[in-house]
Amino acid sequence: ECGLVIGNTCGLRNGEGDQVPLQVAVTLPFGLNDQYDQVVSKR
């Protein structure tokens, strides 16, 4: 969930209103896999 939405991710903004997208990813510990039984690394 984003304070500033840019596309399908969040964004950052400076005081002059310039915006850049922020990429967010997650790595989960061993034992937590996705629906295809793949590890979750920088997903």
PDB file of all heavy atoms in Angstrom:
ATOM      1  N   GLU A   1       0.877  -1.170   0.000  1.00  0.00           N
ATOM      2  CA  GLU A   1       0.000   0.000   0.000  1.00  0.00           C
ATOM      3  C   GLU A   1       0.912   1.217   0.000  1.00  0.00           C
ATOM      4  O   GLU A   1       1.949   1.217   0.668  1.00  0.00           O
ATOM      5  CB  GLU A   1      -0.930   0.002   1.209  1.00  0.00           C
ATOM      6  CG  GLU A   1      -1.932  -1.142   1.199  1.00  0.00           C
ATOM      7  CD  GLU A   1      -2.812  -1.172   2.439  1.00  0.00           C
ATOM      8  OE1 GLU A   1      -2.622  -0.270   3.313  1.00  0.00           O
ATOM      9  OE2 GLU A   1      -3.654  -2.071   2.555  1.00  0.00           O
ATOM     10  N   CYS A   2       0.559   2.241  -0.764  1.00  0.00           N
ATOM     11  CA  CYS A   2       1.501   3.340  -1.016  1.00  0.00           C
ATOM     12  C   CYS A   2       0.892   4.699  -0.692  1.00  0.00           C
ATOM     13  O   CYS A   2      -0.285   4.957  -0.974  1.00  0.00           O
ATOM     14  CB  CYS A   2       1.927   3.347  -2.490  1.00  0.00           C
ATOM     15  SG  CYS A   2       2.636   1.783  -3.057  1.00  0.00           S
ATOM     16  N   GLY A   3       1.751   5.563  -0.128  1.00  0.00           N
ATOM     17  CA  GLY A   3       1.356   6.959  -0.002  1.00  0.00           C
ATOM     18  C   GLY A   3       1.329   7.649  -1.354  1.00  0.00           C
ATOM     19  O   GLY A   3       0.503   8.525  -1.605  1.00  0.00           O
ATOM     20  N   LEU A   4       2.250   7.262  -2.243  1.00  0.00           N
ATOM     21  CA  LEU A   4       2.309   7.758  -3.617  1.00  0.00           C
ATOM     22  C   LEU A   4       2.379   6.565  -4.539  1.00  0.00           C
ATOM     23  O   LEU A   4       3.275   5.738  -4.423  1.00  0.00           O
ATOM     24  CB  LEU A   4       3.539   8.654  -3.816  1.00  0.00           C
ATOM     25  CG  LEU A   4       3.841   9.082  -5.258  1.00  0.00           C
ATOM     26  CD1 LEU A   4       2.713   9.939  -5.827  1.00  0.00           C
ATOM     27  CD2 LEU A   4       5.181   9.801  -5.332  1.00  0.00           C
ATOM     28  N   VAL A   5       1.426   6.444  -5.440  1.00  0.00           N
ATOM     29  CA  VAL A   5       1.361   5.315  -6.364  1.00  0.00           C
ATOM     30  C   VAL A   5       1.968   5.708  -7.699  1.00  0.00           C
ATOM     31  O   VAL A   5       1.615   6.750  -8.289  1.00  0.00           O
ATOM     32  CB  VAL A   5      -0.100   4.855  -6.577  1.00  0.00           C
ATOM     33  CG1 VAL A   5      -0.169   3.759  -7.645  1.00  0.00           C
ATOM     34  CG2 VAL A   5      -0.695   4.361  -5.262  1.00  0.00           C
ATOM     35  N   ILE A   6       2.928   4.895  -8.168  1.00  0.00           N
ATOM     36  CA  ILE A   6       3.490   5.055  -9.510  1.00  0.00           C
ATOM     37  C   ILE A   6       3.420   3.682 -10.176  1.00  0.00           C
ATOM     38  O   ILE A   6       4.166   2.758  -9.816  1.00  0.00           O
ATOM     39  CB  ILE A   6       4.942   5.563  -9.482  1.00  0.00           C
ATOM     40  CG1 ILE A   6       5.024   6.936  -8.805  1.00  0.00           C
ATOM     41  CG2 ILE A   6       5.507   5.645 -10.900  1.00  0.00           C
ATOM     42  CD1 ILE A   6       6.433   7.511  -8.732  1.00  0.00           C
ATOM     43  N   GLY A   7       2.496   3.532 -11.113  1.00  0.00           N
ATOM     44  CA  GLY A   7       2.321   2.236 -11.762  1.00  0.00           C
ATOM     45  C   GLY A   7       1.832   1.198 -10.764  1.00  0.00           C
ATOM     46  O   GLY A   7       0.825   1.404 -10.078  1.00  0.00           O
ATOM     47  N   ASN A   8       2.576   0.110 -10.655  1.00  0.00           N
ATOM     48  CA  ASN A   8       2.188  -0.991  -9.767  1.00  0.00           C
ATOM     49  C   ASN A   8       3.074  -1.031  -8.521  1.00  0.00           C
ATOM     50  O   ASN A   8       3.173  -2.046  -7.866  1.00  0.00           O
ATOM     51  CB  ASN A   8       2.287  -2.326 -10.518  1.00  0.00           C
ATOM     52  CG  ASN A   8       1.408  -3.401  -9.897  1.00  0.00           C
ATOM     53  OD1 ASN A   8       0.568  -3.133  -9.027  1.00  0.00           O
ATOM     54  ND2 ASN A   8       1.586  -4.643 -10.322  1.00  0.00           N
ATOM     55  N   THR A   9       3.728   0.102  -8.231  1.00  0.00           N
ATOM     56  CA  THR A   9       4.585   0.160  -7.052  1.00  0.00           C
ATOM     57  C   THR A   9       4.422   1.520  -6.384  1.00  0.00           C
ATOM     58  O   THR A   9       3.585   2.350  -6.783  1.00  0.00           O
ATOM     59  CB  THR A   9       6.060  -0.111  -7.416  1.00  0.00           C
ATOM     60  OG1 THR A   9       6.834  -0.222  -6.226  1.00  0.00           O
ATOM     61  CG2 THR A   9       6.628   0.989  -8.298  1.00  0.00           C
ATOM     62  N   CYS A  10       5.228   1.776  -5.384  1.00  0.00           N
ATOM     63  CA  CYS A  10       5.169   3.043  -4.658  1.00  0.00           C
ATOM     64  C   CYS A  10       6.177   4.036  -5.241  1.00  0.00           C
ATOM     65  O   CYS A  10       7.074   3.663  -6.006  1.00  0.00           O
ATOM     66  CB  CYS A  10       5.462   2.820  -3.177  1.00  0.00           C
ATOM     67  SG  CYS A  10       4.293   1.715  -2.330  1.00  0.00           S
ATOM     68  N   GLY A  11       6.046   5.286  -4.843  1.00  0.00           N
ATOM     69  CA  GLY A  11       6.962   6.304  -5.319  1.00  0.00           C
ATOM     70  C   GLY A  11       7.473   7.206  -4.212  1.00  0.00           C
ATOM     71  O   GLY A  11       6.925   7.243  -3.103  1.00  0.00           O
ATOM     72  N   LEU A  12       8.560   7.922  -4.542  1.00  0.00           N
ATOM     73  CA  LEU A  12       9.130   8.925  -3.656  1.00  0.00           C
ATOM     74  C   LEU A  12       8.978  10.294  -4.308  1.00  0.00           C
ATOM     75  O   LEU A  12       9.006  10.421  -5.537  1.00  0.00           O
ATOM     76  CB  LEU A  12      10.615   8.627  -3.395  1.00  0.00           C
ATOM     77  CG  LEU A  12      10.967   7.237  -2.843  1.00  0.00           C
ATOM     78  CD1 LEU A  12      12.483   7.097  -2.711  1.00  0.00           C
ATOM     79  CD2 LEU A  12      10.282   6.994  -1.507  1.00  0.00           C
ATOM     80  N   ARG A  13       8.862  11.346  -3.474  1.00  0.00           N
ATOM     81  CA  ARG A  13       8.639  12.702  -3.998  1.00  0.00           C
ATOM     82  C   ARG A  13       9.505  13.681  -3.199  1.00  0.00           C
ATOM     83  O   ARG A  13       9.668  13.520  -1.973  1.00  0.00           O
ATOM     84  CB  ARG A  13       7.171  13.075  -3.867  1.00  0.00           C
ATOM     85  CG  ARG A  13       6.849  14.485  -4.341  1.00  0.00           C
ATOM     86  CD  ARG A  13       5.443  14.923  -3.961  1.00  0.00           C
ATOM     87  NE  ARG A  13       4.411  14.224  -4.710  1.00  0.00           N
ATOM     88  CZ  ARG A  13       3.481  13.438  -4.166  1.00  0.00           C
ATOM     89  NH1 ARG A  13       3.493  13.223  -2.863  1.00  0.00           N
ATOM     90  NH2 ARG A  13       2.554  12.876  -4.904  1.00  0.00           N
ATOM     91  N   ASN A  14      10.058  14.700  -3.914  1.00  0.00           N
ATOM     92  CA  ASN A  14      10.788  15.751  -3.202  1.00  0.00           C
ATOM     93  C   ASN A  14       9.879  16.965  -2.995  1.00  0.00           C
ATOM     94  O   ASN A  14       8.711  16.965  -3.394  1.00  0.00           O
ATOM     95  CB  ASN A  14      12.081  16.123  -3.932  1.00  0.00           C
ATOM     96  CG  ASN A  14      11.828  16.767  -5.283  1.00  0.00           C
ATOM     97  OD1 ASN A  14      10.688  17.059  -5.657  1.00  0.00           O
ATOM     98  ND2 ASN A  14      12.896  17.007  -6.034  1.00  0.00           N
ATOM     99  N   GLY A  15      10.453  17.984  -2.368  1.00  0.00           N
ATOM    100  CA  GLY A  15       9.647  19.153  -2.049  1.00  0.00           C
ATOM    101  C   GLY A  15       9.148  19.910  -3.259  1.00  0.00           C
ATOM    102  O   GLY A  15       8.191  20.684  -3.162  1.00  0.00           O
ATOM    103  N   GLU A  16       9.799  19.729  -4.428  1.00  0.00           N
ATOM    104  CA  GLU A  16       9.377  20.415  -5.639  1.00  0.00           C
ATOM    105  C   GLU A  16       8.382  19.609  -6.457  1.00  0.00           C
ATOM    106  O   GLU A  16       7.990  20.021  -7.552  1.00  0.00           O
ATOM    107  CB  GLU A  16      10.612  20.736  -6.489  1.00  0.00           C
ATOM    108  CG  GLU A  16      11.606  21.631  -5.775  1.00  0.00           C
ATOM    109  CD  GLU A  16      12.864  21.861  -6.590  1.00  0.00           C
ATOM    110  OE1 GLU A  16      12.845  21.514  -7.798  1.00  0.00           O
ATOM    111  OE2 GLU A  16      13.849  22.363  -6.038  1.00  0.00           O
ATOM    112  N   GLY A  17       8.005  18.431  -5.947  1.00  0.00           N
ATOM    113  CA  GLY A  17       7.018  17.612  -6.639  1.00  0.00           C
ATOM    114  C   GLY A  17       7.589  16.619  -7.616  1.00  0.00           C
ATOM    115  O   GLY A  17       6.827  15.930  -8.317  1.00  0.00           O
ATOM    116  N   ASP A  18       8.938  16.514  -7.721  1.00  0.00           N
ATOM    117  CA  ASP A  18       9.537  15.505  -8.591  1.00  0.00           C
ATOM    118  C   ASP A  18       9.297  14.117  -7.985  1.00  0.00           C
ATOM    119  O   ASP A  18       9.416  13.922  -6.759  1.00  0.00           O
ATOM    120  CB  ASP A  18      11.036  15.750  -8.745  1.00  0.00           C
ATOM    121  CG  ASP A  18      11.328  17.119  -9.365  1.00  0.00           C
ATOM    122  OD1 ASP A  18      10.634  17.478 -10.333  1.00  0.00           O
ATOM    123  OD2 ASP A  18      12.237  17.813  -8.855  1.00  0.00           O
ATOM    124  N   GLN A  19       9.043  13.137  -8.837  1.00  0.00           N
ATOM    125  CA  GLN A  19       8.695  11.793  -8.372  1.00  0.00           C
ATOM    126  C   GLN A  19       9.582  10.750  -9.019  1.00  0.00           C
ATOM    127  O   GLN A  19       9.964  10.888 -10.194  1.00  0.00           O
ATOM    128  CB  GLN A  19       7.227  11.482  -8.708  1.00  0.00           C
ATOM    129  CG  GLN A  19       6.222  12.436  -8.091  1.00  0.00           C
ATOM    130  CD  GLN A  19       4.801  12.122  -8.516  1.00  0.00           C
ATOM    131  OE1 GLN A  19       4.556  11.188  -9.280  1.00  0.00           O
ATOM    132  NE2 GLN A  19       3.864  12.926  -8.022  1.00  0.00           N
ATOM    133  N   VAL A  20       9.905   9.687  -8.249  1.00  0.00           N
ATOM    134  CA  VAL A  20      10.623   8.521  -8.790  1.00  0.00           C
ATOM    135  C   VAL A  20       9.991   7.265  -8.213  1.00  0.00           C
ATOM    136  O   VAL A  20       9.545   7.248  -7.063  1.00  0.00           O
ATOM    137  CB  VAL A  20      12.131   8.553  -8.436  1.00  0.00           C
ATOM    138  CG1 VAL A  20      12.831   9.701  -9.154  1.00  0.00           C
ATOM    139  CG2 VAL A  20      12.340   8.620  -6.943  1.00  0.00           C
ATOM    140  N   PRO A  21       9.931   6.197  -9.015  1.00  0.00           N
ATOM    141  CA  PRO A  21       9.384   4.936  -8.481  1.00  0.00           C
ATOM    142  C   PRO A  21      10.383   4.264  -7.541  1.00  0.00           C
ATOM    143  O   PRO A  21      11.593   4.363  -7.714  1.00  0.00           O
ATOM    144  CB  PRO A  21       9.135   4.103  -9.737  1.00  0.00           C
ATOM    145  CG  PRO A  21      10.063   4.653 -10.759  1.00  0.00           C
ATOM    146  CD  PRO A  21      10.235   6.115 -10.462  1.00  0.00           C
ATOM    147  N   LEU A  22       9.848   3.575  -6.565  1.00  0.00           N
ATOM    148  CA  LEU A  22      10.633   2.817  -5.594  1.00  0.00           C
ATOM    149  C   LEU A  22      10.329   1.338  -5.788  1.00  0.00           C
ATOM    150  O   LEU A  22       9.166   0.923  -5.732  1.00  0.00           O
ATOM    151  CB  LEU A  22      10.281   3.239  -4.174  1.00  0.00           C
ATOM    152  CG  LEU A  22      10.963   2.468  -3.034  1.00  0.00           C
ATOM    153  CD1 LEU A  22      12.456   2.755  -3.006  1.00  0.00           C
ATOM    154  CD2 LEU A  22      10.320   2.813  -1.684  1.00  0.00           C
ATOM    155  N   GLN A  23      11.363   0.527  -6.016  1.00  0.00           N
ATOM    156  CA  GLN A  23      11.181  -0.911  -6.176  1.00  0.00           C
ATOM    157  C   GLN A  23      11.321  -1.585  -4.802  1.00  0.00           C
ATOM    158  O   GLN A  23      12.291  -1.348  -4.082  1.00  0.00           O
ATOM    159  CB  GLN A  23      12.205  -1.490  -7.149  1.00  0.00           C
ATOM    160  CG  GLN A  23      12.281  -0.765  -8.486  1.00  0.00           C
ATOM    161  CD  GLN A  23      10.937  -0.694  -9.191  1.00  0.00           C
ATOM    162  OE1 GLN A  23      10.148  -1.652  -9.156  1.00  0.00           O
ATOM    163  NE2 GLN A  23      10.673   0.444  -9.851  1.00  0.00           N
ATOM    164  N   VAL A  24      10.348  -2.406  -4.478  1.00  0.00           N
ATOM    165  CA  VAL A  24      10.343  -3.104  -3.191  1.00  0.00           C
ATOM    166  C   VAL A  24      10.286  -4.605  -3.471  1.00  0.00           C
ATOM    167  O   VAL A  24       9.513  -5.059  -4.323  1.00  0.00           O
ATOM    168  CB  VAL A  24       9.143  -2.695  -2.318  1.00  0.00           C
ATOM    169  CG1 VAL A  24       9.233  -3.362  -0.938  1.00  0.00           C
ATOM    170  CG2 VAL A  24       9.075  -1.177  -2.179  1.00  0.00           C
ATOM    171  N   ALA A  25      11.107  -5.369  -2.771  1.00  0.00           N
ATOM    172  CA  ALA A  25      11.132  -6.825  -2.942  1.00  0.00           C
ATOM    173  C   ALA A  25      11.284  -7.473  -1.571  1.00  0.00           C
ATOM    174  O   ALA A  25      11.590  -6.795  -0.570  1.00  0.00           O
ATOM    175  CB  ALA A  25      12.278  -7.247  -3.865  1.00  0.00           C
ATOM    176  N   VAL A  26      11.057  -8.777  -1.521  1.00  0.00           N
ATOM    177  CA  VAL A  26      11.135  -9.497  -0.247  1.00  0.00           C
ATOM    178  C   VAL A  26      11.884 -10.805  -0.433  1.00  0.00           C
ATOM    179  O   VAL A  26      11.767 -11.468  -1.470  1.00  0.00           O
ATOM    180  CB  VAL A  26       9.718  -9.752   0.323  1.00  0.00           C
ATOM    181  CG1 VAL A  26       8.909 -10.674  -0.594  1.00  0.00           C
ATOM    182  CG2 VAL A  26       9.781 -10.335   1.729  1.00  0.00           C
ATOM    183  N   THR A  27      12.664 -11.168   0.570  1.00  0.00           N
ATOM    184  CA  THR A  27      13.270 -12.494   0.679  1.00  0.00           C
ATOM    185  C   THR A  27      12.751 -13.125   1.956  1.00  0.00           C
ATOM    186  O   THR A  27      12.866 -12.529   3.034  1.00  0.00           O
ATOM    187  CB  THR A  27      14.810 -12.398   0.713  1.00  0.00           C
ATOM    188  OG1 THR A  27      15.273 -11.896  -0.551  1.00  0.00           O
ATOM    189  CG2 THR A  27      15.431 -13.765   0.960  1.00  0.00           C
ATOM    190  N   LEU A  28      12.176 -14.308   1.828  1.00  0.00           N
ATOM    191  CA  LEU A  28      11.590 -15.006   2.980  1.00  0.00           C
ATOM    192  C   LEU A  28      12.491 -16.158   3.407  1.00  0.00           C
ATOM    193  O   LEU A  28      13.227 -16.722   2.590  1.00  0.00           O
ATOM    194  CB  LEU A  28      10.199 -15.534   2.620  1.00  0.00           C
ATOM    195  CG  LEU A  28       9.147 -14.463   2.340  1.00  0.00           C
ATOM    196  CD1 LEU A  28       7.848 -15.096   1.863  1.00  0.00           C
ATOM    197  CD2 LEU A  28       8.888 -13.599   3.586  1.00  0.00           C
ATOM    198  N   PRO A  29      12.425 -16.552   4.666  1.00  0.00           N
ATOM    199  CA  PRO A  29      13.293 -17.627   5.151  1.00  0.00           C
ATOM    200  C   PRO A  29      12.917 -18.982   4.577  1.00  0.00           C
ATOM    201  O   PRO A  29      11.816 -19.180   4.031  1.00  0.00           O
ATOM    202  CB  PRO A  29      13.096 -17.593   6.667  1.00  0.00           C
ATOM    203  CG  PRO A  29      11.766 -16.946   6.863  1.00  0.00           C
ATOM    204  CD  PRO A  29      11.613 -15.961   5.748  1.00  0.00           C
ATOM    205  N   PHE A  30      13.842 -19.925   4.711  1.00  0.00           N
ATOM    206  CA  PHE A  30      13.618 -21.297   4.255  1.00  0.00           C
ATOM    207  C   PHE A  30      12.364 -21.858   4.899  1.00  0.00           C
ATOM    208  O   PHE A  30      12.139 -21.708   6.095  1.00  0.00           O
ATOM    209  CB  PHE A  30      14.827 -22.156   4.619  1.00  0.00           C
ATOM    210  CG  PHE A  30      14.653 -23.616   4.291  1.00  0.00           C
ATOM    211  CD1 PHE A  30      14.797 -24.071   2.999  1.00  0.00           C
ATOM    212  CD2 PHE A  30      14.333 -24.524   5.292  1.00  0.00           C
ATOM    213  CE1 PHE A  30      14.636 -25.407   2.693  1.00  0.00           C
ATOM    214  CE2 PHE A  30      14.164 -25.869   5.001  1.00  0.00           C
ATOM    215  CZ  PHE A  30      14.322 -26.309   3.695  1.00  0.00           C
ATOM    216  N   GLY A  31      11.534 -22.499   4.084  1.00  0.00           N
ATOM    217  CA  GLY A  31      10.286 -23.069   4.568  1.00  0.00           C
ATOM    218  C   GLY A  31       9.063 -22.306   4.138  1.00  0.00           C
ATOM    219  O   GLY A  31       7.948 -22.806   4.263  1.00  0.00           O
ATOM    220  N   LEU A  32       9.246 -21.088   3.616  1.00  0.00           N
ATOM    221  CA  LEU A  32       8.135 -20.299   3.090  1.00  0.00           C
ATOM    222  C   LEU A  32       8.305 -20.178   1.584  1.00  0.00           C
ATOM    223  O   LEU A  32       9.144 -19.415   1.104  1.00  0.00           O
ATOM    224  CB  LEU A  32       8.091 -18.920   3.745  1.00  0.00           C
ATOM    225  CG  LEU A  32       7.886 -18.901   5.265  1.00  0.00           C
ATOM    226  CD1 LEU A  32       7.919 -17.478   5.797  1.00  0.00           C
ATOM    227  CD2 LEU A  32       6.571 -19.581   5.644  1.00  0.00           C
ATOM    228  N   ASN A  33       7.507 -20.933   0.830  1.00  0.00           N
ATOM    229  CA  ASN A  33       7.619 -21.006  -0.623  1.00  0.00           C
ATOM    230  C   ASN A  33       6.382 -20.424  -1.285  1.00  0.00           C
ATOM    231  O   ASN A  33       5.332 -20.277  -0.652  1.00  0.00           O
ATOM    232  CB  ASN A  33       7.818 -22.451  -1.084  1.00  0.00           C
ATOM    233  CG  ASN A  33       9.169 -23.006  -0.670  1.00  0.00           C
ATOM    234  OD1 ASN A  33       9.943 -22.344   0.018  1.00  0.00           O
ATOM    235  ND2 ASN A  33       9.451 -24.225  -1.083  1.00  0.00           N
ATOM    236  N   ASP A  34       6.508 -20.140  -2.586  1.00  0.00           N
ATOM    237  CA  ASP A  34       5.353 -19.612  -3.309  1.00  0.00           C
ATOM    238  C   ASP A  34       4.447 -20.749  -3.757  1.00  0.00           C
ATOM    239  O   ASP A  34       4.670 -21.923  -3.439  1.00  0.00           O
ATOM    240  CB  ASP A  34       5.798 -18.726  -4.477  1.00  0.00           C
ATOM    241  CG  ASP A  34       6.478 -19.516  -5.597  1.00  0.00           C
ATOM    242  OD1 ASP A  34       6.486 -20.765  -5.574  1.00  0.00           O
ATOM    243  OD2 ASP A  34       7.019 -18.867  -6.526  1.00  0.00           O
ATOM    244  N   GLN A  35       3.416 -20.407  -4.521  1.00  0.00           N
ATOM    245  CA  GLN A  35       2.413 -21.399  -4.927  1.00  0.00           C
ATOM    246  C   GLN A  35       2.979 -22.458  -5.866  1.00  0.00           C
ATOM    247  O   GLN A  35       2.355 -23.513  -6.045  1.00  0.00           O
ATOM    248  CB  GLN A  35       1.244 -20.698  -5.598  1.00  0.00           C
ATOM    249  CG  GLN A  35       1.615 -19.896  -6.843  1.00  0.00           C
ATOM    250  CD  GLN A  35       0.442 -19.106  -7.371  1.00  0.00           C
ATOM    251  OE1 GLN A  35      -0.696 -19.602  -7.380  1.00  0.00           O
ATOM    252  NE2 GLN A  35       0.682 -17.871  -7.795  1.00  0.00           N
ATOM    253  N   TYR A  36       4.148 -22.196  -6.453  1.00  0.00           N
ATOM    254  CA  TYR A  36       4.796 -23.177  -7.318  1.00  0.00           C
ATOM    255  C   TYR A  36       5.923 -23.906  -6.591  1.00  0.00           C
ATOM    256  O   TYR A  36       6.752 -24.555  -7.226  1.00  0.00           O
ATOM    257  CB  TYR A  36       5.330 -22.479  -8.571  1.00  0.00           C
ATOM    258  CG  TYR A  36       4.264 -21.707  -9.315  1.00  0.00           C
ATOM    259  CD1 TYR A  36       4.265 -20.307  -9.307  1.00  0.00           C
ATOM    260  CD2 TYR A  36       3.243 -22.359  -9.999  1.00  0.00           C
ATOM    261  CE1 TYR A  36       3.284 -19.586  -9.966  1.00  0.00           C
ATOM    262  CE2 TYR A  36       2.249 -21.650 -10.657  1.00  0.00           C
ATOM    263  CZ  TYR A  36       2.281 -20.266 -10.645  1.00  0.00           C
ATOM    264  OH  TYR A  36       1.293 -19.545 -11.298  1.00  0.00           O
ATOM    265  N   ASP A  37       5.941 -23.767  -5.269  1.00  0.00           N
ATOM    266  CA  ASP A  37       6.929 -24.408  -4.397  1.00  0.00           C
ATOM    267  C   ASP A  37       8.335 -23.880  -4.645  1.00  0.00           C
ATOM    268  O   ASP A  37       9.317 -24.574  -4.407  1.00  0.00           O
ATOM    269  CB  ASP A  37       6.886 -25.936  -4.552  1.00  0.00           C
ATOM    270  CG  ASP A  37       7.443 -26.658  -3.331  1.00  0.00           C
ATOM    271  OD1 ASP A  37       7.378 -26.079  -2.228  1.00  0.00           O
ATOM    272  OD2 ASP A  37       7.950 -27.789  -3.469  1.00  0.00           O
ATOM    273  N   GLN A  38       8.441 -22.664  -5.116  1.00  0.00           N
ATOM    274  CA  GLN A  38       9.739 -22.034  -5.328  1.00  0.00           C
ATOM    275  C   GLN A  38      10.083 -21.139  -4.144  1.00  0.00           C
ATOM    276  O   GLN A  38       9.192 -20.561  -3.504  1.00  0.00           O
ATOM    277  CB  GLN A  38       9.729 -21.201  -6.614  1.00  0.00           C
ATOM    278  CG  GLN A  38       9.503 -22.021  -7.883  1.00  0.00           C
ATOM    279  CD  GLN A  38       9.393 -21.146  -9.120  1.00  0.00           C
ATOM    280  OE1 GLN A  38       8.971 -19.994  -9.041  1.00  0.00           O
ATOM    281  NE2 GLN A  38       9.790 -21.675 -10.265  1.00  0.00           N
ATOM    282  N   VAL A  39      11.393 -21.014  -3.870  1.00  0.00           N
ATOM    283  CA  VAL A  39      11.812 -20.144  -2.779  1.00  0.00           C
ATOM    284  C   VAL A  39      11.508 -18.694  -3.139  1.00  0.00           C
ATOM    285  O   VAL A  39      11.427 -18.324  -4.321  1.00  0.00           O
ATOM    286  CB  VAL A  39      13.315 -20.324  -2.485  1.00  0.00           C
ATOM    287  CG1 VAL A  39      13.610 -21.742  -2.034  1.00  0.00           C
ATOM    288  CG2 VAL A  39      14.156 -19.961  -3.704  1.00  0.00           C
ATOM    289  N   VAL A  40      11.329 -17.878  -2.132  1.00  0.00           N
ATOM    290  CA  VAL A  40      11.012 -16.465  -2.330  1.00  0.00           C
ATOM    291  C   VAL A  40      12.276 -15.667  -2.025  1.00  0.00           C
ATOM    292  O   VAL A  40      12.622 -15.445  -0.861  1.00  0.00           O
ATOM    293  CB  VAL A  40       9.846 -16.030  -1.432  1.00  0.00           C
ATOM    294  CG1 VAL A  40       9.553 -14.544  -1.616  1.00  0.00           C
ATOM    295  CG2 VAL A  40       8.611 -16.870  -1.739  1.00  0.00           C
ATOM    296  N   SER A  41      12.993 -15.255  -3.078  1.00  0.00           N
ATOM    297  CA  SER A  41      14.250 -14.532  -2.932  1.00  0.00           C
ATOM    298  C   SER A  41      14.205 -13.273  -3.793  1.00  0.00           C
ATOM    299  O   SER A  41      14.065 -13.359  -5.024  1.00  0.00           O
ATOM    300  CB  SER A  41      15.437 -15.411  -3.345  1.00  0.00           C
ATOM    301  OG  SER A  41      16.656 -14.711  -3.250  1.00  0.00           O
ATOM    302  N   LYS A  42      14.263 -12.134  -3.160  1.00  0.00           N
ATOM    303  CA  LYS A  42      14.182 -10.839  -3.831  1.00  0.00           C
ATOM    304  C   LYS A  42      12.990 -10.794  -4.783  1.00  0.00           C
ATOM    305  O   LYS A  42      13.080 -10.320  -5.910  1.00  0.00           O
ATOM    306  CB  LYS A  42      15.484 -10.507  -4.559  1.00  0.00           C
ATOM    307  CG  LYS A  42      16.660 -10.312  -3.604  1.00  0.00           C
ATOM    308  CD  LYS A  42      17.916  -9.827  -4.314  1.00  0.00           C
ATOM    309  CE  LYS A  42      19.042  -9.545  -3.313  1.00  0.00           C
ATOM    310  NZ  LYS A  42      20.271  -9.077  -3.968  1.00  0.00           N
ATOM    311  N   ARG A  43      11.871 -11.295  -4.315  1.00  0.00           N
ATOM    312  CA  ARG A  43      10.641 -11.321  -5.112  1.00  0.00           C
ATOM    313  C   ARG A  43       9.989  -9.938  -5.075  1.00  0.00           C
ATOM    314  O   ARG A  43       9.714  -9.410  -3.988  1.00  0.00           O
ATOM    315  CB  ARG A  43       9.686 -12.380  -4.540  1.00  0.00           C
ATOM    316  CG  ARG A  43       8.382 -12.575  -5.308  1.00  0.00           C
ATOM    317  CD  ARG A  43       8.606 -13.248  -6.644  1.00  0.00           C
ATOM    318  NE  ARG A  43       9.277 -14.526  -6.487  1.00  0.00           N
ATOM    319  CZ  ARG A  43       8.648 -15.682  -6.261  1.00  0.00           C
ATOM    320  NH1 ARG A  43       7.326 -15.714  -6.171  1.00  0.00           N
ATOM    321  NH2 ARG A  43       9.343 -16.810  -6.160  1.00  0.00           N
TER     322      ARG A  43
END
